[in-house]
N, C-alpha and C. Protein backbone atom coordinates (compact mmCIF):
# COMPACT_ATOMS: atom_id res chain seq x y z
N LEU A 1 85.32 42.95 101.94
CA LEU A 1 84.72 43.77 100.88
C LEU A 1 83.56 43.03 100.23
N LEU A 2 83.73 41.74 99.97
CA LEU A 2 82.66 40.99 99.33
C LEU A 2 81.41 40.88 100.19
N ARG A 3 81.59 40.90 101.51
CA ARG A 3 80.43 40.78 102.40
C ARG A 3 79.62 42.06 102.47
N THR A 4 80.23 43.19 102.14
CA THR A 4 79.54 44.47 102.30
C THR A 4 79.10 45.10 100.98
N CYS A 5 79.50 44.54 99.86
CA CYS A 5 79.19 45.14 98.56
C CYS A 5 78.24 44.28 97.75
N THR A 6 77.50 44.94 96.88
CA THR A 6 76.70 44.23 95.90
C THR A 6 77.60 43.89 94.72
N PRO A 7 77.25 42.90 93.91
CA PRO A 7 78.11 42.53 92.78
C PRO A 7 77.95 43.53 91.62
N GLN A 8 78.43 44.74 91.86
CA GLN A 8 78.26 45.82 90.90
C GLN A 8 79.51 46.68 90.90
N CYS A 9 79.93 47.09 89.72
CA CYS A 9 81.07 48.00 89.59
C CYS A 9 80.66 49.36 90.12
N ALA A 10 81.47 49.92 91.00
CA ALA A 10 81.16 51.22 91.61
C ALA A 10 81.20 52.37 90.60
N LEU A 11 81.90 52.18 89.47
CA LEU A 11 82.03 53.28 88.50
C LEU A 11 81.03 53.17 87.35
N CYS A 12 81.03 52.07 86.62
CA CYS A 12 80.11 51.96 85.47
C CYS A 12 78.75 51.41 85.89
N GLN A 13 78.66 50.90 87.11
CA GLN A 13 77.43 50.41 87.72
C GLN A 13 76.84 49.17 87.04
N GLN A 14 77.68 48.45 86.30
CA GLN A 14 77.24 47.20 85.69
C GLN A 14 77.18 46.12 86.77
N THR A 15 76.10 45.37 86.81
CA THR A 15 75.99 44.25 87.73
C THR A 15 76.65 43.05 87.07
N LEU A 16 77.62 42.48 87.76
CA LEU A 16 78.41 41.37 87.23
C LEU A 16 78.62 40.32 88.31
N PRO A 17 78.94 39.09 87.93
CA PRO A 17 79.31 38.11 88.95
C PRO A 17 80.57 38.58 89.69
N PHE A 18 80.68 38.22 90.96
CA PHE A 18 81.85 38.63 91.73
C PHE A 18 83.16 38.22 91.07
N CYS A 19 83.15 37.11 90.34
CA CYS A 19 84.40 36.65 89.71
C CYS A 19 84.88 37.61 88.63
N LEU A 20 84.03 38.53 88.16
CA LEU A 20 84.42 39.50 87.14
C LEU A 20 84.68 40.88 87.73
N LEU A 21 84.66 40.98 89.04
CA LEU A 21 84.95 42.25 89.71
C LEU A 21 86.30 42.16 90.42
N GLU A 22 86.95 43.29 90.57
CA GLU A 22 88.27 43.33 91.20
C GLU A 22 88.26 44.33 92.35
N THR A 23 89.10 44.09 93.31
CA THR A 23 89.29 45.04 94.40
C THR A 23 90.20 46.14 93.89
N ALA A 24 89.68 47.34 93.85
CA ALA A 24 90.44 48.48 93.33
C ALA A 24 90.76 49.43 94.48
N HIS A 25 92.03 49.76 94.61
CA HIS A 25 92.44 50.75 95.61
C HIS A 25 92.15 52.14 95.06
N LEU A 26 91.46 52.95 95.84
CA LEU A 26 91.07 54.28 95.39
C LEU A 26 92.25 55.24 95.36
N LYS A 27 93.22 54.99 96.19
CA LYS A 27 94.49 55.72 96.20
C LYS A 27 95.55 54.67 95.88
N PRO A 28 96.55 54.99 95.06
CA PRO A 28 97.55 53.98 94.73
C PRO A 28 98.12 53.30 95.99
N ARG A 29 98.14 51.98 95.97
CA ARG A 29 98.53 51.21 97.14
C ARG A 29 99.95 51.54 97.60
N CYS A 30 100.83 51.83 96.68
CA CYS A 30 102.22 52.14 97.04
C CYS A 30 102.33 53.45 97.83
N LEU A 31 101.29 54.26 97.82
CA LEU A 31 101.32 55.54 98.54
C LEU A 31 100.52 55.52 99.84
N LEU A 32 99.96 54.38 100.18
CA LEU A 32 99.18 54.27 101.41
C LEU A 32 100.09 54.14 102.62
N ASN A 33 99.73 54.80 103.71
CA ASN A 33 100.48 54.60 104.95
C ASN A 33 99.92 53.37 105.67
N ALA A 34 100.49 52.99 106.79
CA ALA A 34 100.10 51.77 107.49
C ALA A 34 98.62 51.80 107.91
N THR A 35 98.14 52.92 108.35
CA THR A 35 96.74 53.04 108.76
C THR A 35 95.81 52.91 107.57
N GLN A 36 96.15 53.57 106.47
CA GLN A 36 95.32 53.53 105.27
C GLN A 36 95.24 52.13 104.67
N ARG A 37 96.32 51.36 104.78
CA ARG A 37 96.32 50.00 104.21
C ARG A 37 95.28 49.09 104.85
N THR A 38 94.91 49.37 106.09
CA THR A 38 93.91 48.53 106.77
C THR A 38 92.52 49.18 106.80
N ASP A 39 92.39 50.34 106.19
CA ASP A 39 91.10 51.03 106.15
C ASP A 39 90.20 50.34 105.12
N PRO A 40 89.02 49.85 105.51
CA PRO A 40 88.15 49.17 104.55
C PRO A 40 87.58 50.11 103.47
N HIS A 41 87.72 51.41 103.66
CA HIS A 41 87.19 52.37 102.69
C HIS A 41 88.21 52.74 101.61
N VAL A 42 89.39 52.16 101.65
CA VAL A 42 90.41 52.47 100.66
C VAL A 42 90.19 51.69 99.36
N ALA A 43 89.29 50.73 99.36
CA ALA A 43 89.06 49.89 98.18
C ALA A 43 87.57 49.71 97.92
N LEU A 44 87.25 49.53 96.66
CA LEU A 44 85.89 49.22 96.21
C LEU A 44 85.98 48.17 95.11
N LEU A 45 84.83 47.64 94.72
CA LEU A 45 84.79 46.69 93.60
C LEU A 45 84.58 47.46 92.30
N PHE A 46 85.49 47.23 91.35
CA PHE A 46 85.39 47.77 90.00
C PHE A 46 85.44 46.60 89.04
N CYS A 47 84.81 46.73 87.88
CA CYS A 47 85.04 45.73 86.83
C CYS A 47 86.47 45.94 86.32
N ARG A 48 87.00 44.96 85.64
CA ARG A 48 88.40 45.05 85.19
C ARG A 48 88.62 46.25 84.27
N TYR A 49 87.66 46.53 83.43
CA TYR A 49 87.77 47.64 82.49
C TYR A 49 87.88 48.97 83.24
N CYS A 50 86.96 49.21 84.17
CA CYS A 50 86.99 50.45 84.95
C CYS A 50 88.24 50.53 85.82
N HIS A 51 88.65 49.40 86.37
CA HIS A 51 89.85 49.37 87.22
C HIS A 51 91.07 49.85 86.43
N THR A 52 91.23 49.34 85.22
CA THR A 52 92.36 49.75 84.39
C THR A 52 92.28 51.23 84.03
N LEU A 53 91.10 51.69 83.63
CA LEU A 53 90.95 53.10 83.27
C LEU A 53 91.18 54.02 84.47
N TYR A 54 90.69 53.62 85.64
CA TYR A 54 90.89 54.40 86.87
C TYR A 54 92.37 54.47 87.23
N ASP A 55 93.04 53.33 87.21
CA ASP A 55 94.47 53.30 87.55
C ASP A 55 95.31 54.14 86.59
N ARG A 56 94.90 54.24 85.35
CA ARG A 56 95.65 55.03 84.35
C ARG A 56 95.22 56.49 84.31
N GLY A 57 94.27 56.87 85.16
CA GLY A 57 93.86 58.26 85.24
C GLY A 57 92.82 58.69 84.22
N LEU A 58 92.21 57.74 83.53
CA LEU A 58 91.20 58.08 82.53
C LEU A 58 89.80 58.19 83.12
N LEU A 59 89.60 57.66 84.32
CA LEU A 59 88.38 57.85 85.08
C LEU A 59 88.77 58.39 86.44
N GLY A 60 87.94 59.25 86.99
CA GLY A 60 88.18 59.79 88.32
C GLY A 60 86.86 60.11 88.99
N VAL A 61 86.91 60.38 90.27
CA VAL A 61 85.71 60.73 91.03
C VAL A 61 86.02 61.99 91.83
N HIS A 62 85.13 62.96 91.72
CA HIS A 62 85.26 64.21 92.49
C HIS A 62 83.88 64.64 92.94
N ASN A 63 83.77 64.97 94.23
CA ASN A 63 82.48 65.34 94.82
C ASN A 63 81.41 64.28 94.57
N GLY A 64 81.82 63.02 94.58
CA GLY A 64 80.88 61.91 94.43
C GLY A 64 80.42 61.64 93.02
N CYS A 65 80.96 62.36 92.05
CA CYS A 65 80.53 62.20 90.66
C CYS A 65 81.67 61.71 89.77
N LEU A 66 81.31 60.94 88.77
CA LEU A 66 82.28 60.39 87.83
C LEU A 66 82.81 61.48 86.90
N HIS A 67 84.12 61.49 86.72
CA HIS A 67 84.77 62.36 85.74
C HIS A 67 85.47 61.46 84.74
N VAL A 68 85.39 61.84 83.48
CA VAL A 68 85.88 61.01 82.39
C VAL A 68 86.86 61.82 81.56
N ALA A 69 88.05 61.27 81.34
CA ALA A 69 89.02 61.94 80.47
C ALA A 69 88.44 62.02 79.06
N PRO A 70 88.71 63.11 78.34
CA PRO A 70 88.12 63.29 77.01
C PRO A 70 88.34 62.12 76.05
N ALA A 71 89.47 61.45 76.14
CA ALA A 71 89.75 60.34 75.22
C ALA A 71 88.73 59.22 75.34
N ILE A 72 88.16 59.03 76.52
CA ILE A 72 87.20 57.94 76.75
C ILE A 72 85.84 58.25 76.12
N LEU A 73 85.51 59.51 75.95
CA LEU A 73 84.20 59.89 75.44
C LEU A 73 84.09 59.78 73.92
N SER A 74 85.17 59.48 73.25
CA SER A 74 85.16 59.35 71.80
C SER A 74 84.38 58.11 71.38
N PRO A 75 83.52 58.22 70.36
CA PRO A 75 82.81 57.04 69.86
C PRO A 75 83.76 55.94 69.36
N ALA A 76 85.00 56.30 69.06
CA ALA A 76 85.98 55.31 68.63
C ALA A 76 86.47 54.44 69.78
N TYR A 77 86.23 54.88 71.02
CA TYR A 77 86.70 54.15 72.19
C TYR A 77 85.69 53.07 72.57
N PRO A 78 86.13 51.82 72.73
CA PRO A 78 85.18 50.75 73.08
C PRO A 78 84.47 51.06 74.40
N LEU A 79 83.20 50.80 74.42
CA LEU A 79 82.37 50.93 75.62
C LEU A 79 82.24 52.36 76.13
N HIS A 80 82.46 53.35 75.29
CA HIS A 80 82.38 54.75 75.74
C HIS A 80 81.00 55.11 76.30
N THR A 81 79.98 54.39 75.90
CA THR A 81 78.62 54.70 76.38
C THR A 81 78.40 54.32 77.84
N LEU A 82 79.32 53.57 78.44
CA LEU A 82 79.19 53.22 79.86
C LEU A 82 79.42 54.42 80.77
N TYR A 83 80.09 55.44 80.27
CA TYR A 83 80.55 56.51 81.13
C TYR A 83 79.81 57.82 80.87
N THR A 84 79.03 58.23 81.83
CA THR A 84 78.31 59.49 81.76
C THR A 84 78.97 60.45 82.75
N PRO A 85 79.68 61.46 82.25
CA PRO A 85 80.33 62.41 83.17
C PRO A 85 79.30 63.04 84.10
N GLY A 86 79.66 63.14 85.37
CA GLY A 86 78.79 63.76 86.35
C GLY A 86 77.84 62.80 87.04
N ARG A 87 77.76 61.56 86.57
CA ARG A 87 76.88 60.58 87.21
C ARG A 87 77.43 60.23 88.59
N PRO A 88 76.58 60.15 89.60
CA PRO A 88 77.07 59.76 90.94
C PRO A 88 77.63 58.34 90.93
N VAL A 89 78.69 58.12 91.68
CA VAL A 89 79.23 56.77 91.84
C VAL A 89 78.47 56.06 92.95
N LEU A 90 78.55 54.73 92.97
CA LEU A 90 77.76 53.95 93.92
C LEU A 90 78.17 54.16 95.37
N ALA A 91 79.44 54.12 95.64
CA ALA A 91 79.92 54.26 97.02
C ALA A 91 80.47 55.67 97.19
N ASN A 92 79.83 56.43 98.02
CA ASN A 92 80.25 57.82 98.15
C ASN A 92 80.17 58.27 99.61
N SER A 93 80.89 57.58 100.46
CA SER A 93 80.93 57.99 101.86
C SER A 93 82.07 59.00 102.04
N PRO A 94 82.03 59.78 103.11
CA PRO A 94 83.15 60.70 103.36
C PRO A 94 84.49 59.97 103.47
N ARG A 95 84.49 58.74 103.95
CA ARG A 95 85.74 57.98 104.07
C ARG A 95 86.30 57.62 102.69
N HIS A 96 85.43 57.35 101.71
CA HIS A 96 85.89 57.08 100.35
C HIS A 96 86.39 58.37 99.70
N GLN A 97 85.74 59.49 100.03
CA GLN A 97 86.04 60.75 99.37
C GLN A 97 87.49 61.18 99.50
N SER A 98 88.10 60.98 100.65
CA SER A 98 89.49 61.42 100.81
C SER A 98 90.41 60.67 99.84
N TYR A 99 90.12 59.40 99.62
CA TYR A 99 90.94 58.62 98.67
C TYR A 99 90.62 59.00 97.23
N PHE A 100 89.33 59.19 96.91
CA PHE A 100 88.96 59.65 95.57
C PHE A 100 89.58 61.02 95.29
N ASN A 101 89.59 61.91 96.28
CA ASN A 101 90.15 63.25 96.08
C ASN A 101 91.64 63.20 95.78
N PHE A 102 92.36 62.33 96.47
CA PHE A 102 93.80 62.17 96.20
C PHE A 102 94.00 61.74 94.75
N HIS A 103 93.27 60.71 94.34
CA HIS A 103 93.38 60.20 92.96
C HIS A 103 93.04 61.30 91.96
N PHE A 104 91.97 62.03 92.22
CA PHE A 104 91.54 63.07 91.28
C PHE A 104 92.60 64.16 91.15
N LYS A 105 93.24 64.51 92.24
CA LYS A 105 94.25 65.57 92.21
C LYS A 105 95.56 65.13 91.58
N PHE A 106 95.99 63.90 91.85
CA PHE A 106 97.34 63.49 91.46
C PHE A 106 97.42 62.45 90.34
N VAL A 107 96.31 61.76 90.03
CA VAL A 107 96.36 60.69 89.03
C VAL A 107 95.48 60.98 87.82
N PHE A 108 94.28 61.49 88.06
CA PHE A 108 93.33 61.72 86.96
C PHE A 108 93.91 62.69 85.94
N LEU A 109 93.71 62.34 84.66
CA LEU A 109 94.20 63.19 83.56
C LEU A 109 93.15 64.23 83.22
N HIS A 110 93.40 65.46 83.59
CA HIS A 110 92.43 66.53 83.39
C HIS A 110 92.48 67.10 81.97
N THR A 111 93.43 66.67 81.17
CA THR A 111 93.57 67.18 79.80
C THR A 111 93.52 66.01 78.84
N HIS A 112 93.86 66.26 77.60
CA HIS A 112 93.82 65.22 76.57
C HIS A 112 95.04 64.30 76.60
N GLN A 113 95.98 64.56 77.47
CA GLN A 113 97.19 63.73 77.50
C GLN A 113 96.83 62.31 77.93
N TYR A 114 97.65 61.37 77.52
CA TYR A 114 97.44 59.97 77.89
C TYR A 114 98.73 59.40 78.41
N LYS A 115 98.64 58.65 79.52
CA LYS A 115 99.84 58.02 80.08
C LYS A 115 100.21 56.80 79.29
């Protein structure tokens, strides 16, 4: 992953040193089958902040664009200005899309609820 990616978070698009980026599974790792676990498109680099928000369903990707749970858009939420709903994400290949679509359907919080 490090050889093929720029040192940039795929969601907030902040350029950071590699040591501040994490490998994020686009579909929860516990739900991956044996083939998916070895697919290089199942993971991307996210900053720690985006990784946590994505895993908790507060950020999602659908049709190549960022979706943001309403709670994140509040001015009271730290760093809310990083997230522009509808902005294209950096990595948007068809192979990434199947994993993003799973997350969007089953993990992303489409309402005001919070996990």
